[in-house]
C-alpha atoms as a PDB file:
ATOM      1  CA  MET A   1      10.432   4.995  -7.876  1.00  0.00           C
ATOM      2  CA  ASN A   2      11.813   4.253  -4.424  1.00  0.00           C
ATOM      3  CA  VAL A   3      15.654   4.267  -4.395  1.00  0.00           C
ATOM      4  CA  VAL A   4      17.486   2.764  -1.411  1.00  0.00           C
ATOM      5  CA  SER A   5      21.026   1.662  -0.579  1.00  0.00           C
ATOM      6  CA  THR A   6      20.475  -1.252   1.837  1.00  0.00           C
ATOM      7  CA  PRO A   7      18.102  -4.242   1.927  1.00  0.00           C
ATOM      8  CA  ASP A   8      16.905  -3.080   5.344  1.00  0.00           C
ATOM      9  CA  GLU A   9      15.155  -0.156   3.619  1.00  0.00           C
ATOM     10  CA  VAL A  10      13.126  -2.478   1.360  1.00  0.00           C
ATOM     11  CA  GLU A  11       9.744  -3.769   2.505  1.00  0.00           C
ATOM     12  CA  HIS A  12       9.657  -7.579   2.583  1.00  0.00           C
ATOM     13  CA  ARG A  13       7.016  -8.620   0.050  1.00  0.00           C
ATOM     14  CA  PRO A  14       6.802 -10.958  -2.964  1.00  0.00           C
ATOM     15  CA  ARG A  15       9.181  -9.470  -5.532  1.00  0.00           C
ATOM     16  CA  ALA A  16      10.536 -10.078  -8.998  1.00  0.00           C
ATOM     17  CA  VAL A  17      14.112  -8.802  -9.009  1.00  0.00           C
ATOM     18  CA  ALA A  18      16.369  -7.927 -11.936  1.00  0.00           C
ATOM     19  CA  ILE A  19      20.067  -7.848 -11.054  1.00  0.00           C
ATOM     20  CA  GLY A  20      22.845  -6.135 -12.984  1.00  0.00           C
ATOM     21  CA  SER A  21      24.890  -3.022 -13.642  1.00  0.00           C
ATOM     22  CA  PHE A  22      22.411  -1.733 -16.272  1.00  0.00           C
ATOM     23  CA  ASP A  23      24.918   0.795 -17.632  1.00  0.00           C
ATOM     24  CA  GLY A  24      23.152   2.600 -20.456  1.00  0.00           C
ATOM     25  CA  VAL A  25      19.802   0.873 -19.783  1.00  0.00           C
ATOM     26  CA  HIS A  26      19.959  -0.252 -23.421  1.00  0.00           C
ATOM     27  CA  ARG A  27      17.498  -2.427 -25.364  1.00  0.00           C
ATOM     28  CA  GLY A  28      18.900  -5.621 -23.854  1.00  0.00           C
ATOM     29  CA  HIS A  29      18.432  -4.235 -20.355  1.00  0.00           C
ATOM     30  CA  ARG A  30      14.946  -3.030 -21.235  1.00  0.00           C
ATOM     31  CA  SER A  31      13.940  -6.559 -22.267  1.00  0.00           C
ATOM     32  CA  ILE A  32      14.778  -7.662 -18.717  1.00  0.00           C
ATOM     33  CA  LEU A  33      13.068  -4.680 -17.059  1.00  0.00           C
ATOM     34  CA  ASP A  34       9.946  -5.039 -19.220  1.00  0.00           C
ATOM     35  CA  ALA A  35       9.662  -8.699 -18.182  1.00  0.00           C
ATOM     36  CA  LEU A  36       9.466  -7.719 -14.501  1.00  0.00           C
ATOM     37  CA  SER A  37       5.904  -6.465 -14.816  1.00  0.00           C
ATOM     38  CA  GLY A  38       4.803  -9.721 -16.441  1.00  0.00           C
ATOM     39  CA  THR A  39       5.495 -11.673 -13.263  1.00  0.00           C
ATOM     40  CA  GLY A  40       2.728  -9.974 -11.264  1.00  0.00           C
ATOM     41  CA  LEU A  41       5.190  -9.395  -8.413  1.00  0.00           C
ATOM     42  CA  ALA A  42       6.611  -6.103  -7.149  1.00  0.00           C
ATOM     43  CA  PRO A  43       9.087  -5.020  -9.881  1.00  0.00           C
ATOM     44  CA  THR A  44      12.469  -4.445  -8.257  1.00  0.00           C
ATOM     45  CA  VAL A  45      16.065  -3.861  -9.408  1.00  0.00           C
ATOM     46  CA  VAL A  46      19.316  -4.567  -7.596  1.00  0.00           C
ATOM     47  CA  THR A  47      22.197  -2.651  -9.154  1.00  0.00           C
ATOM     48  CA  PHE A  48      25.646  -1.509  -8.052  1.00  0.00           C
ATOM     49  CA  ASP A  49      27.643   1.677  -7.555  1.00  0.00           C
ATOM     50  CA  PRO A  50      30.392   2.112  -8.481  1.00  0.00           C
ATOM     51  CA  HIS A  51      30.358  -0.138 -11.530  1.00  0.00           C
ATOM     52  CA  PRO A  52      31.930  -3.452 -10.405  1.00  0.00           C
ATOM     53  CA  ARG A  53      34.624  -3.367 -13.080  1.00  0.00           C
ATOM     54  CA  ILE A  54      35.650   0.149 -12.055  1.00  0.00           C
ATOM     55  CA  ALA A  55      35.728  -0.877  -8.402  1.00  0.00           C
ATOM     56  CA  LEU A  56      38.082  -3.705  -9.378  1.00  0.00           C
ATOM     57  CA  GLY A  57      40.485  -1.244 -11.001  1.00  0.00           C
ATOM     58  CA  ASN A  58      39.457  -1.482 -14.640  1.00  0.00           C
ATOM     59  CA  ARG A  59      38.765   1.379 -17.030  1.00  0.00           C
ATOM     60  CA  VAL A  60      35.108   1.590 -18.079  1.00  0.00           C
ATOM     61  CA  ASP A  61      33.636   4.463 -20.096  1.00  0.00           C
ATOM     62  CA  LEU A  62      30.195   4.628 -18.536  1.00  0.00           C
ATOM     63  CA  LEU A  63      27.206   5.296 -20.787  1.00  0.00           C
ATOM     64  CA  THR A  64      25.131   6.896 -18.046  1.00  0.00           C
ATOM     65  CA  THR A  65      25.570   8.630 -14.729  1.00  0.00           C
ATOM     66  CA  LEU A  66      23.989   6.901 -11.751  1.00  0.00           C
ATOM     67  CA  GLU A  67      21.325   9.621 -11.713  1.00  0.00           C
ATOM     68  CA  ARG A  68      20.420   9.023 -15.349  1.00  0.00           C
ATOM     69  CA  ARG A  69      20.538   5.239 -14.924  1.00  0.00           C
ATOM     70  CA  LEU A  70      17.996   5.491 -12.108  1.00  0.00           C
ATOM     71  CA  GLU A  71      15.765   7.818 -14.139  1.00  0.00           C
ATOM     72  CA  LEU A  72      15.700   5.339 -17.027  1.00  0.00           C
ATOM     73  CA  ILE A  73      15.057   2.372 -14.735  1.00  0.00           C
ATOM     74  CA  GLY A  74      12.163   4.268 -13.171  1.00  0.00           C
ATOM     75  CA  GLU A  75      10.750   5.087 -16.613  1.00  0.00           C
ATOM     76  CA  ALA A  76      10.681   1.323 -17.283  1.00  0.00           C
ATOM     77  CA  GLY A  77       8.106   0.897 -14.507  1.00  0.00           C
ATOM     78  CA  VAL A  78      10.356  -0.384 -11.736  1.00  0.00           C
ATOM     79  CA  GLU A  79       8.880   0.179  -8.280  1.00  0.00           C
ATOM     80  CA  THR A  80      12.043  -0.083  -6.124  1.00  0.00           C
ATOM     81  CA  THR A  81      15.752   0.050  -6.941  1.00  0.00           C
ATOM     82  CA  LEU A  82      18.362  -1.063  -4.436  1.00  0.00           C
ATOM     83  CA  VAL A  83      21.721   0.529  -5.278  1.00  0.00           C
ATOM     84  CA  ALA A  84      24.194  -1.721  -3.483  1.00  0.00           C
ATOM     85  CA  PRO A  85      27.532  -0.013  -2.737  1.00  0.00           C
ATOM     86  CA  PHE A  86      30.151  -2.206  -4.430  1.00  0.00           C
ATOM     87  CA  THR A  87      32.480  -2.231  -1.435  1.00  0.00           C
ATOM     88  CA  PRO A  88      35.338  -4.652  -0.640  1.00  0.00           C
ATOM     89  CA  GLU A  89      32.945  -6.327   1.794  1.00  0.00           C
ATOM     90  CA  LEU A  90      30.422  -6.998  -0.970  1.00  0.00           C
ATOM     91  CA  GLN A  91      33.217  -8.184  -3.286  1.00  0.00           C
ATOM     92  CA  ARG A  92      34.214 -10.827  -0.717  1.00  0.00           C
ATOM     93  CA  MET A  93      30.627 -12.010  -0.150  1.00  0.00           C
ATOM     94  CA  THR A  94      29.875 -15.595  -1.152  1.00  0.00           C
ATOM     95  CA  PRO A  95      27.055 -16.093  -3.662  1.00  0.00           C
ATOM     96  CA  GLU A  96      24.970 -17.771  -0.952  1.00  0.00           C
ATOM     97  CA  ALA A  97      25.457 -14.860   1.437  1.00  0.00           C
ATOM     98  CA  PHE A  98      24.612 -12.357  -1.310  1.00  0.00           C
ATOM     99  CA  ALA A  99      21.419 -14.236  -2.138  1.00  0.00           C
ATOM    100  CA  GLU A 100      20.312 -14.210   1.497  1.00  0.00           C
ATOM    101  CA  ARG A 101      21.234 -10.571   2.129  1.00  0.00           C
ATOM    102  CA  TYR A 102      20.082  -8.918  -1.100  1.00  0.00           C
ATOM    103  CA  LEU A 103      17.377 -11.252  -2.401  1.00  0.00           C
ATOM    104  CA  ARG A 104      15.665 -13.426   0.181  1.00  0.00           C
ATOM    105  CA  ALA A 105      15.697 -10.643   2.795  1.00  0.00           C
ATOM    106  CA  ILE A 106      13.499  -8.424   0.598  1.00  0.00           C
ATOM    107  CA  GLY A 107      11.048 -11.152  -0.428  1.00  0.00           C
ATOM    108  CA  THR A 108      12.457 -12.124  -3.819  1.00  0.00           C
ATOM    109  CA  GLU A 109      10.635 -15.005  -5.480  1.00  0.00           C
ATOM    110  CA  VAL A 110      11.675 -14.538  -9.109  1.00  0.00           C
ATOM    111  CA  VAL A 111      15.109 -13.437 -10.387  1.00  0.00           C
ATOM    112  CA  LEU A 112      15.505 -12.034 -13.894  1.00  0.00           C
ATOM    113  CA  ALA A 113      18.960 -11.698 -15.462  1.00  0.00           C
ATOM    114  CA  GLY A 114      20.930 -12.424 -18.588  1.00  0.00           C
ATOM    115  CA  ALA A 115      22.066 -16.010 -19.151  1.00  0.00           C
ATOM    116  CA  ASP A 116      25.702 -15.088 -18.457  1.00  0.00           C
ATOM    117  CA  PHE A 117      24.975 -13.369 -15.121  1.00  0.00           C
ATOM    118  CA  ARG A 118      27.587 -14.027 -12.436  1.00  0.00           C
ATOM    119  CA  PHE A 119      27.789 -12.779  -8.862  1.00  0.00           C
ATOM    120  CA  GLY A 120      29.540 -13.266  -5.549  1.00  0.00           C
ATOM    121  CA  VAL A 121      33.229 -13.563  -4.741  1.00  0.00           C
ATOM    122  CA  ARG A 122      35.291 -14.215  -7.913  1.00  0.00           C
ATOM    123  CA  ARG A 123      32.008 -14.333  -9.877  1.00  0.00           C
ATOM    124  CA  SER A 124      31.467 -17.831  -8.536  1.00  0.00           C
ATOM    125  CA  GLY A 125      27.657 -17.710  -8.445  1.00  0.00           C
ATOM    126  CA  ASP A 126      25.317 -18.136 -11.397  1.00  0.00           C
ATOM    127  CA  LEU A 127      21.641 -18.588 -12.212  1.00  0.00           C
ATOM    128  CA  GLU A 128      21.821 -22.319 -11.641  1.00  0.00           C
ATOM    129  CA  LEU A 129      22.936 -21.708  -8.061  1.00  0.00           C
ATOM    130  CA  LEU A 130      20.081 -19.270  -7.491  1.00  0.00           C
ATOM    131  CA  GLU A 131      17.659 -21.918  -8.737  1.00  0.00           C
ATOM    132  CA  GLN A 132      19.177 -24.427  -6.314  1.00  0.00           C
ATOM    133  CA  LEU A 133      18.626 -21.890  -3.530  1.00  0.00           C
ATOM    134  CA  GLY A 134      14.905 -21.856  -4.295  1.00  0.00           C
ATOM    135  CA  PHE A 135      14.458 -18.833  -6.552  1.00  0.00           C
ATOM    136  CA  GLN A 136      12.513 -19.048  -9.781  1.00  0.00           C
ATOM    137  CA  ILE A 137      14.736 -17.947 -12.666  1.00  0.00           C
ATOM    138  CA  VAL A 138      13.598 -16.076 -15.774  1.00  0.00           C
ATOM    139  CA  VAL A 139      16.017 -15.326 -18.608  1.00  0.00           C
ATOM    140  CA  PRO A 140      14.272 -12.898 -20.998  1.00  0.00           C
ATOM    141  CA  PRO A 141      15.195 -13.205 -24.677  1.00  0.00           C
ATOM    142  CA  GLY A 142      18.256 -11.108 -25.416  1.00  0.00           C
ATOM    143  CA  VAL A 143      18.660  -8.554 -28.174  1.00  0.00           C
ATOM    144  CA  VAL A 144      21.227  -9.845 -30.650  1.00  0.00           C
ATOM    145  CA  GLY A 145      24.268  -7.613 -31.054  1.00  0.00           C
ATOM    146  CA  VAL A 146      23.352  -5.235 -28.240  1.00  0.00           C
ATOM    147  CA  SER A 147      25.741  -4.778 -25.330  1.00  0.00           C
ATOM    148  CA  SER A 148      27.199  -1.935 -23.307  1.00  0.00           C
ATOM    149  CA  THR A 149      30.627  -2.819 -24.741  1.00  0.00           C
ATOM    150  CA  ALA A 150      29.396  -2.541 -28.340  1.00  0.00           C
ATOM    151  CA  ILE A 151      27.691   0.779 -27.588  1.00  0.00           C
ATOM    152  CA  ARG A 152      30.875   2.171 -26.017  1.00  0.00           C
ATOM    153  CA  ALA A 153      32.801   1.210 -29.154  1.00  0.00           C
ATOM    154  CA  ALA A 154      30.264   2.936 -31.430  1.00  0.00           C
ATOM    155  CA  VAL A 155      30.314   6.089 -29.306  1.00  0.00           C
ATOM    156  CA  ALA A 156      34.126   6.186 -29.261  1.00  0.00           C
ATOM    157  CA  ALA A 157      34.102   5.983 -33.073  1.00  0.00           C
ATOM    158  CA  GLY A 158      31.577   8.823 -33.327  1.00  0.00           C
ATOM    159  CA  ASP A 159      28.955   6.447 -34.729  1.00  0.00           C
ATOM    160  CA  VAL A 160      26.137   7.834 -32.618  1.00  0.00           C
ATOM    161  CA  GLY A 161      23.500   6.492 -35.010  1.00  0.00           C
ATOM    162  CA  THR A 162      24.504   2.885 -34.368  1.00  0.00           C
ATOM    163  CA  ALA A 163      24.746   3.625 -30.647  1.00  0.00           C
ATOM    164  CA  ALA A 164      21.183   4.980 -30.706  1.00  0.00           C
ATOM    165  CA  VAL A 165      19.848   1.832 -32.384  1.00  0.00           C
ATOM    166  CA  MET A 166      21.375  -0.323 -29.626  1.00  0.00           C
ATOM    167  CA  LEU A 167      20.311   2.020 -26.831  1.00  0.00           C
ATOM    168  CA  GLY A 168      16.779   2.439 -28.135  1.00  0.00           C
ATOM    169  CA  ARG A 169      17.198   6.209 -27.778  1.00  0.00           C
ATOM    170  CA  PRO A 170      19.879   8.769 -28.698  1.00  0.00           C
ATOM    171  CA  PHE A 171      23.192   8.672 -26.858  1.00  0.00           C
ATOM    172  CA  GLU A 172      23.352  11.423 -24.242  1.00  0.00           C
ATOM    173  CA  LEU A 173      25.919  13.765 -22.754  1.00  0.00           C
ATOM    174  CA  ASP A 174      25.050  14.501 -19.122  1.00  0.00           C
ATOM    175  CA  GLY A 175      26.777  17.122 -17.008  1.00  0.00           C
ATOM    176  CA  ILE A 176      26.769  20.498 -15.307  1.00  0.00           C
ATOM    177  CA  VAL A 177      27.085  23.804 -17.168  1.00  0.00           C
ATOM    178  CA  VAL A 178      30.153  25.721 -15.988  1.00  0.00           C
ATOM    179  CA  ALA A 179      31.914  28.907 -17.085  1.00  0.00           C
ATOM    180  CA  GLY A 180      33.988  28.582 -20.242  1.00  0.00           C
ATOM    181  CA  ASP A 181      36.018  30.877 -22.492  1.00  0.00           C
ATOM    182  CA  GLN A 182      32.842  32.655 -23.644  1.00  0.00           C
ATOM    183  CA  ARG A 183      34.122  32.912 -27.206  1.00  0.00           C
ATOM    184  CA  GLY A 184      30.847  31.610 -28.591  1.00  0.00           C
ATOM    185  CA  GLY A 185      28.962  34.681 -27.438  1.00  0.00           C
ATOM    186  CA  THR A 186      31.371  37.013 -29.196  1.00  0.00           C
ATOM    187  CA  LEU A 187      30.924  34.987 -32.398  1.00  0.00           C
ATOM    188  CA  GLY A 188      27.142  35.156 -32.159  1.00  0.00           C
ATOM    189  CA  TYR A 189      26.684  31.547 -31.031  1.00  0.00           C
ATOM    190  CA  PRO A 190      26.783  31.380 -27.223  1.00  0.00           C
ATOM    191  CA  THR A 191      27.523  27.848 -26.050  1.00  0.00           C
ATOM    192  CA  ALA A 192      27.110  26.035 -22.729  1.00  0.00           C
ATOM    193  CA  ASN A 193      30.359  24.552 -21.413  1.00  0.00           C
ATOM    194  CA  LEU A 194      29.386  21.098 -20.167  1.00  0.00           C
ATOM    195  CA  LEU A 195      31.441  19.502 -17.383  1.00  0.00           C
ATOM    196  CA  MET A 196      30.977  15.719 -17.271  1.00  0.00           C
ATOM    197  CA  GLU A 197      32.222  13.091 -14.863  1.00  0.00           C
ATOM    198  CA  PRO A 198      35.623  11.815 -16.092  1.00  0.00           C
ATOM    199  CA  ALA A 199      34.422   8.188 -16.279  1.00  0.00           C
ATOM    200  CA  LEU A 200      31.629   8.938 -18.761  1.00  0.00           C
ATOM    201  CA  ALA A 201      31.846   7.892 -22.412  1.00  0.00           C
ATOM    202  CA  CYS A 202      32.278  10.691 -24.933  1.00  0.00           C
ATOM    203  CA  PRO A 203      32.042  10.564 -28.736  1.00  0.00           C
ATOM    204  CA  ARG A 204      35.043  11.027 -31.005  1.00  0.00           C
ATOM    205  CA  TYR A 205      35.984  14.684 -31.350  1.00  0.00           C
ATOM    206  CA  GLY A 206      33.959  16.609 -33.870  1.00  0.00           C
ATOM    207  CA  ILE A 207      30.787  18.610 -34.425  1.00  0.00           C
ATOM    208  CA  TYR A 208      27.418  16.941 -33.838  1.00  0.00           C
ATOM    209  CA  ALA A 209      23.724  17.714 -34.173  1.00  0.00           C
ATOM    210  CA  GLY A 210      21.437  16.943 -31.260  1.00  0.00           C
ATOM    211  CA  SER A 211      19.062  18.503 -28.780  1.00  0.00           C
ATOM    212  CA  ALA A 212      18.719  19.687 -25.194  1.00  0.00           C
ATOM    213  CA  ARG A 213      15.857  21.227 -23.216  1.00  0.00           C
ATOM    214  CA  ASP A 214      13.521  20.773 -26.212  1.00  0.00           C
ATOM    215  CA  HIS A 215      15.848  22.853 -28.406  1.00  0.00           C
ATOM    216  CA  ARG A 216      18.016  21.548 -31.197  1.00  0.00           C
ATOM    217  CA  ALA A 217      21.689  21.821 -30.349  1.00  0.00           C
ATOM    218  CA  ALA A 218      24.880  22.037 -32.393  1.00  0.00           C
ATOM    219  CA  VAL A 219      27.494  20.360 -30.215  1.00  0.00           C
ATOM    220  CA  SER A 220      31.251  20.865 -30.397  1.00  0.00           C
ATOM    221  CA  ILE A 221      33.336  18.120 -28.778  1.00  0.00           C
ATOM    222  CA  GLY A 222      37.082  18.590 -28.807  1.00  0.00           C
ATOM    223  CA  THR A 223      39.910  20.974 -28.017  1.00  0.00           C
ATOM    224  CA  ASN A 224      38.950  24.063 -30.069  1.00  0.00           C
ATOM    225  CA  PRO A 225      42.023  23.659 -32.319  1.00  0.00           C
ATOM    226  CA  HIS A 226      41.323  26.975 -34.085  1.00  0.00           C
ATOM    227  CA  TYR A 227      42.244  28.698 -30.812  1.00  0.00           C
ATOM    228  CA  GLY A 228      45.084  26.335 -29.913  1.00  0.00           C
ATOM    229  CA  GLY A 229      43.191  24.538 -27.178  1.00  0.00           C
ATOM    230  CA  THR A 230      44.513  21.389 -25.541  1.00  0.00           C
ATOM    231  CA  GLU A 231      41.806  20.424 -23.028  1.00  0.00           C
ATOM    232  CA  ARG A 232      38.611  18.632 -24.046  1.00  0.00           C
ATOM    233  CA  ARG A 233      35.575  20.885 -24.197  1.00  0.00           C
ATOM    234  CA  ILE A 234      31.950  19.863 -24.710  1.00  0.00           C
ATOM    235  CA  GLU A 235      30.024  22.902 -25.892  1.00  0.00           C
ATOM    236  CA  PRO A 236      26.402  22.673 -27.060  1.00  0.00           C
ATOM    237  CA  TYR A 237      24.820  25.679 -28.732  1.00  0.00           C
ATOM    238  CA  LEU A 238      21.062  25.519 -28.110  1.00  0.00           C
ATOM    239  CA  LEU A 239      19.258  26.955 -31.118  1.00  0.00           C
ATOM    240  CA  ASP A 240      16.646  29.642 -30.384  1.00  0.00           C
ATOM    241  CA  PHE A 241      17.292  29.396 -26.638  1.00  0.00           C
ATOM    242  CA  GLU A 242      17.455  32.329 -24.252  1.00  0.00           C
ATOM    243  CA  GLY A 243      18.340  31.909 -20.610  1.00  0.00           C
ATOM    244  CA  ASP A 244      21.045  31.229 -18.069  1.00  0.00           C
ATOM    245  CA  LEU A 245      22.149  27.605 -17.695  1.00  0.00           C
ATOM    246  CA  TYR A 246      25.139  28.106 -15.394  1.00  0.00           C
ATOM    247  CA  GLY A 247      25.222  25.609 -12.548  1.00  0.00           C
ATOM    248  CA  GLN A 248      22.379  23.545 -13.999  1.00  0.00           C
ATOM    249  CA  ARG A 249      22.366  19.936 -15.102  1.00  0.00           C
ATOM    250  CA  LEU A 250      22.060  19.590 -18.861  1.00  0.00           C
ATOM    251  CA  VAL A 251      21.311  16.344 -20.712  1.00  0.00           C
ATOM    252  CA  VAL A 252      22.184  16.620 -24.405  1.00  0.00           C
ATOM    253  CA  GLU A 253      20.979  14.089 -26.971  1.00  0.00           C
ATOM    254  CA  VAL A 254      23.568  13.454 -29.703  1.00  0.00           C
ATOM    255  CA  TRP A 255      21.880  12.614 -33.006  1.00  0.00           C
ATOM    256  CA  GLU A 256      24.341  12.862 -35.872  1.00  0.00           C
ATOM    257  CA  ARG A 257      28.028  13.514 -36.524  1.00  0.00           C
ATOM    258  CA  LEU A 258      28.389  16.510 -38.858  1.00  0.00           C
ATOM    259  CA  ARG A 259      32.149  16.916 -39.339  1.00  0.00           C
ATOM    260  CA  ASP A 260      35.613  16.885 -37.813  1.00  0.00           C
ATOM    261  CA  GLU A 261      36.857  19.866 -35.832  1.00  0.00           C
ATOM    262  CA  LYS A 262      39.493  21.896 -37.683  1.00  0.00           C
ATOM    263  CA  VAL A 263      41.594  25.051 -37.790  1.00  0.00           C
ATOM    264  CA  PHE A 264      40.176  27.758 -40.071  1.00  0.00           C
ATOM    265  CA  GLU A 265      42.081  30.337 -42.091  1.00  0.00           C
ATOM    266  CA  SER A 266      40.207  33.161 -40.367  1.00  0.00           C
ATOM    267  CA  GLU A 267      37.584  33.858 -37.733  1.00  0.00           C
ATOM    268  CA  GLU A 268      35.189  34.844 -40.522  1.00  0.00           C
ATOM    269  CA  ALA A 269      35.599  31.375 -42.049  1.00  0.00           C
ATOM    270  CA  LEU A 270      34.944  29.807 -38.633  1.00  0.00           C
ATOM    271  CA  VAL A 271      31.736  31.809 -38.188  1.00  0.00           C
ATOM    272  CA  ALA A 272      30.572  30.866 -41.682  1.00  0.00           C
ATOM    273  CA  GLN A 273      31.133  27.182 -40.908  1.00  0.00           C
ATOM    274  CA  ILE A 274      29.271  27.459 -37.595  1.00  0.00           C
ATOM    275  CA  ALA A 275      26.328  28.933 -39.512  1.00  0.00           C
ATOM    276  CA  ARG A 276      26.376  25.895 -41.810  1.00  0.00           C
ATOM    277  CA  ASP A 277      26.566  23.594 -38.778  1.00  0.00           C
ATOM    278  CA  VAL A 278      23.511  25.298 -37.301  1.00  0.00           C
ATOM    279  CA  GLU A 279      21.548  24.838 -40.522  1.00  0.00           C
ATOM    280  CA  ALA A 280      22.579  21.171 -40.660  1.00  0.00           C
ATOM    281  CA  THR A 281      21.396  20.824 -37.064  1.00  0.00           C
ATOM    282  CA  ARG A 282      17.999  22.257 -37.986  1.00  0.00           C
ATOM    283  CA  GLU A 283      17.675  19.580 -40.678  1.00  0.00           C
ATOM    284  CA  ALA A 284      19.019  16.637 -38.652  1.00  0.00           C
ATOM    285  CA  LEU A 285      16.701  13.752 -37.793  1.00  0.00           C
ATOM    286  CA  ARG A 286      16.456  12.187 -34.358  1.00  0.00           C
ATOM    287  CA  PRO A 287      17.843   8.660 -34.875  1.00  0.00           C
ATOM    288  CA  VAL A 288      15.143   6.718 -32.997  1.00  0.00           C
END
């Protein structure tokens, strides 16, 4: 997939364009992306970075990094994605000016978006306006009950199974492996300490089963209360894995919540519980 940041980098040709933030690239988003190919035109996406609500000063727990969002959009068969920087200049742009700059300039003939799509200064533009400007509008059928907001709520509650149903795939933790306390190695279960972007959504603290790098993973999310920790740590233990992950990107699927984190009466009791968590991870089922 070709990824660009300005319309000038996009070849002018007949295009079907899907517009939106696409955070999570969930089942509702996929219904829009899948419809692009049915138009017979060059499948194209216009999305934004940072997320418009974040740029406007709101708190949003993002479901995907920009890198992962683009990977998922590409997997949906999109040919070109224009990542428009959501700058103050773009925020002040009238809907008509946006349509000329980001749609007509690249050859857009068909626009695909959700029925409630709004754009331009103070969200004053809608699909009806785009139709008046000469674009053909397609509103793919939505997926009832699926939204980025609902997925964020499920993740925050630790309900990763419900989140997976709405996403159409397991929820993921996406970050870089950095040095940690290295206690896991001394206990016989060496973990990767995952550093994620602060704006990313994270499940409720606890122990989870999942996978990473084609290995099942027992994932601890929390503060390590047994050792008096106060900072959030995300520590996957990759079963049957040997190797050095430091400095590498790691995407961890989160399949199932196993238990709360807790303080144990002894280190021996902690190790025994970790062993049970590992066995539960071996038996866990991928949710979708």
